[in-house]
Amino acid sequence: MSIMSSIEAFNEAFNPEIELLPTRDGRVRANLPRVGREILVQGSQFNADVKVTPADLASLCEEVRRAMAPGVALMDEALNAITQTEPDKQPSS
């Protein structure tokens, strides 16, 4: 799966969405609302020097982490609650 198709799948589940911004020279940039940055997610087909950098990918990872953090915290609390409850007692036969 490409980065752009992964972002599209991510956008189906999370708000605010990551906005993909295509350019005339084939580059695609992404506006990351949670980290407040714009990154490159696809290089230019006309200029081989324009490439996605590790910093771009790190910013994308941080965007996703921030989007998922509330859900992960909720899951952690639910799992903690399960471990604190008493197991249901089975009736003896």
C-alpha atoms as a PDB file:
ATOM      1  CA  MET A   1       0.000   0.000   0.000  1.00  0.00           C
ATOM      2  CA  SER A   2       1.395   3.434  -0.891  1.00  0.00           C
ATOM      3  CA  ILE A   3       1.717   6.294   1.575  1.00  0.00           C
ATOM      4  CA  MET A   4      -1.035   8.215  -0.215  1.00  0.00           C
ATOM      5  CA  SER A   5      -3.500   5.286  -0.166  1.00  0.00           C
ATOM      6  CA  SER A   6      -2.673   4.702   3.493  1.00  0.00           C
ATOM      7  CA  ILE A   7      -3.437   8.367   4.238  1.00  0.00           C
ATOM      8  CA  GLU A   8      -6.763   8.040   2.398  1.00  0.00           C
ATOM      9  CA  ALA A   9      -7.662   4.981   4.513  1.00  0.00           C
ATOM     10  CA  PHE A  10      -6.590   6.872   7.667  1.00  0.00           C
ATOM     11  CA  ASN A  11      -8.821   9.799   6.681  1.00  0.00           C
ATOM     12  CA  GLU A  12     -11.866   7.509   6.557  1.00  0.00           C
ATOM     13  CA  ALA A  13     -11.491   6.878  10.282  1.00  0.00           C
ATOM     14  CA  PHE A  14     -10.104  10.110  11.745  1.00  0.00           C
ATOM     15  CA  ASN A  15     -10.964  13.810  11.860  1.00  0.00           C
ATOM     16  CA  PRO A  16      -9.475  16.256  11.161  1.00  0.00           C
ATOM     17  CA  GLU A  17      -8.260  14.666   7.963  1.00  0.00           C
ATOM     18  CA  ILE A  18      -4.808  14.874   6.417  1.00  0.00           C
ATOM     19  CA  GLU A  19      -5.200  16.990   3.299  1.00  0.00           C
ATOM     20  CA  LEU A  20      -3.341  15.766   0.203  1.00  0.00           C
ATOM     21  CA  LEU A  21      -2.158  18.603  -2.056  1.00  0.00           C
ATOM     22  CA  PRO A  22      -1.010  17.564  -5.572  1.00  0.00           C
ATOM     23  CA  THR A  23       1.192  19.968  -7.537  1.00  0.00           C
ATOM     24  CA  ARG A  24       1.740  20.484 -11.276  1.00  0.00           C
ATOM     25  CA  ASP A  25       5.123  18.782 -11.283  1.00  0.00           C
ATOM     26  CA  GLY A  26       3.764  15.547  -9.780  1.00  0.00           C
ATOM     27  CA  ARG A  27       4.699  16.155  -6.161  1.00  0.00           C
ATOM     28  CA  VAL A  28       2.105  15.493  -3.519  1.00  0.00           C
ATOM     29  CA  ARG A  29       2.262  17.320  -0.223  1.00  0.00           C
ATOM     30  CA  ALA A  30       0.221  16.554   2.878  1.00  0.00           C
ATOM     31  CA  ASN A  31      -1.089  19.080   5.363  1.00  0.00           C
ATOM     32  CA  LEU A  32      -0.814  17.563   8.860  1.00  0.00           C
ATOM     33  CA  PRO A  33      -3.341  19.379  11.080  1.00  0.00           C
ATOM     34  CA  ARG A  34      -2.271  17.948  14.444  1.00  0.00           C
ATOM     35  CA  VAL A  35       1.433  18.747  14.100  1.00  0.00           C
ATOM     36  CA  GLY A  36       0.895  21.917  12.061  1.00  0.00           C
ATOM     37  CA  ARG A  37       3.236  20.961   9.232  1.00  0.00           C
ATOM     38  CA  GLU A  38       3.142  20.333   5.533  1.00  0.00           C
ATOM     39  CA  ILE A  39       5.244  17.429   4.274  1.00  0.00           C
ATOM     40  CA  LEU A  40       6.126  15.775   0.996  1.00  0.00           C
ATOM     41  CA  VAL A  41       4.510  12.346   0.498  1.00  0.00           C
ATOM     42  CA  GLN A  42       5.408  11.831  -3.161  1.00  0.00           C
ATOM     43  CA  GLY A  43       8.396  13.235  -5.017  1.00  0.00           C
ATOM     44  CA  SER A  44       8.422  14.973  -8.383  1.00  0.00           C
ATOM     45  CA  GLN A  45       8.428  12.887 -11.528  1.00  0.00           C
ATOM     46  CA  PHE A  46      10.363  15.687 -13.259  1.00  0.00           C
ATOM     47  CA  ASN A  47      13.039  16.285 -10.623  1.00  0.00           C
ATOM     48  CA  ALA A  48      14.710  13.255  -9.041  1.00  0.00           C
ATOM     49  CA  ASP A  49      16.210  15.474  -6.321  1.00  0.00           C
ATOM     50  CA  VAL A  50      12.764  16.138  -4.827  1.00  0.00           C
ATOM     51  CA  LYS A  51      12.242  13.154  -2.530  1.00  0.00           C
ATOM     52  CA  VAL A  52      10.331  12.231   0.592  1.00  0.00           C
ATOM     53  CA  THR A  53      12.725  12.633   3.523  1.00  0.00           C
ATOM     54  CA  PRO A  54      12.999  10.773   6.829  1.00  0.00           C
ATOM     55  CA  ALA A  55      11.878  14.019   8.517  1.00  0.00           C
ATOM     56  CA  ASP A  56       8.694  13.988   6.386  1.00  0.00           C
ATOM     57  CA  LEU A  57       7.973  10.412   7.466  1.00  0.00           C
ATOM     58  CA  ALA A  58       8.739  11.212  11.117  1.00  0.00           C
ATOM     59  CA  SER A  59       6.218  14.076  11.001  1.00  0.00           C
ATOM     60  CA  LEU A  60       3.641  11.738   9.458  1.00  0.00           C
ATOM     61  CA  CYS A  61       4.248   9.201  12.238  1.00  0.00           C
ATOM     62  CA  GLU A  62       3.793  11.930  14.864  1.00  0.00           C
ATOM     63  CA  GLU A  63       0.527  13.014  13.202  1.00  0.00           C
ATOM     64  CA  VAL A  64      -0.799   9.467  13.376  1.00  0.00           C
ATOM     65  CA  ARG A  65       0.400   9.023  16.971  1.00  0.00           C
ATOM     66  CA  ARG A  66      -1.432  12.174  18.041  1.00  0.00           C
ATOM     67  CA  ALA A  67      -4.598  11.057  16.261  1.00  0.00           C
ATOM     68  CA  MET A  68      -4.524   7.644  17.896  1.00  0.00           C
ATOM     69  CA  ALA A  69      -3.486   8.724  21.400  1.00  0.00           C
ATOM     70  CA  PRO A  70      -7.027   9.223  22.793  1.00  0.00           C
ATOM     71  CA  GLY A  71      -8.138   5.800  21.536  1.00  0.00           C
ATOM     72  CA  VAL A  72      -5.047   4.087  22.913  1.00  0.00           C
ATOM     73  CA  ALA A  73      -5.585   5.751  26.296  1.00  0.00           C
ATOM     74  CA  LEU A  74      -9.222   4.613  26.329  1.00  0.00           C
ATOM     75  CA  MET A  75      -8.237   1.049  25.435  1.00  0.00           C
ATOM     76  CA  ASP A  76      -5.598   1.052  28.180  1.00  0.00           C
ATOM     77  CA  GLU A  77      -8.176   2.182  30.758  1.00  0.00           C
ATOM     78  CA  ALA A  78     -10.670  -0.454  29.584  1.00  0.00           C
ATOM     79  CA  LEU A  79      -8.036  -3.197  29.824  1.00  0.00           C
ATOM     80  CA  ASN A  80      -7.081  -2.004  33.315  1.00  0.00           C
ATOM     81  CA  ALA A  81     -10.750  -2.102  34.321  1.00  0.00           C
ATOM     82  CA  ILE A  82     -11.062  -5.683  33.071  1.00  0.00           C
ATOM     83  CA  THR A  83      -8.150  -6.799  35.242  1.00  0.00           C
ATOM     84  CA  GLN A  84      -9.718  -5.164  38.303  1.00  0.00           C
ATOM     85  CA  THR A  85     -13.101  -6.847  37.963  1.00  0.00           C
ATOM     86  CA  GLU A  86     -13.868 -10.167  39.621  1.00  0.00           C
ATOM     87  CA  PRO A  87     -14.396 -13.052  37.234  1.00  0.00           C
ATOM     88  CA  ASP A  88     -17.958 -14.290  36.932  1.00  0.00           C
ATOM     89  CA  LYS A  89     -18.551 -17.260  39.139  1.00  0.00           C
ATOM     90  CA  GLN A  90     -19.767 -20.312  37.299  1.00  0.00           C
ATOM     91  CA  PRO A  91     -22.613 -22.184  38.975  1.00  0.00           C
ATOM     92  CA  SER A  92     -21.490 -25.556  40.279  1.00  0.00           C
ATOM     93  CA  SER A  93     -23.127 -28.570  38.689  1.00  0.00           C
END
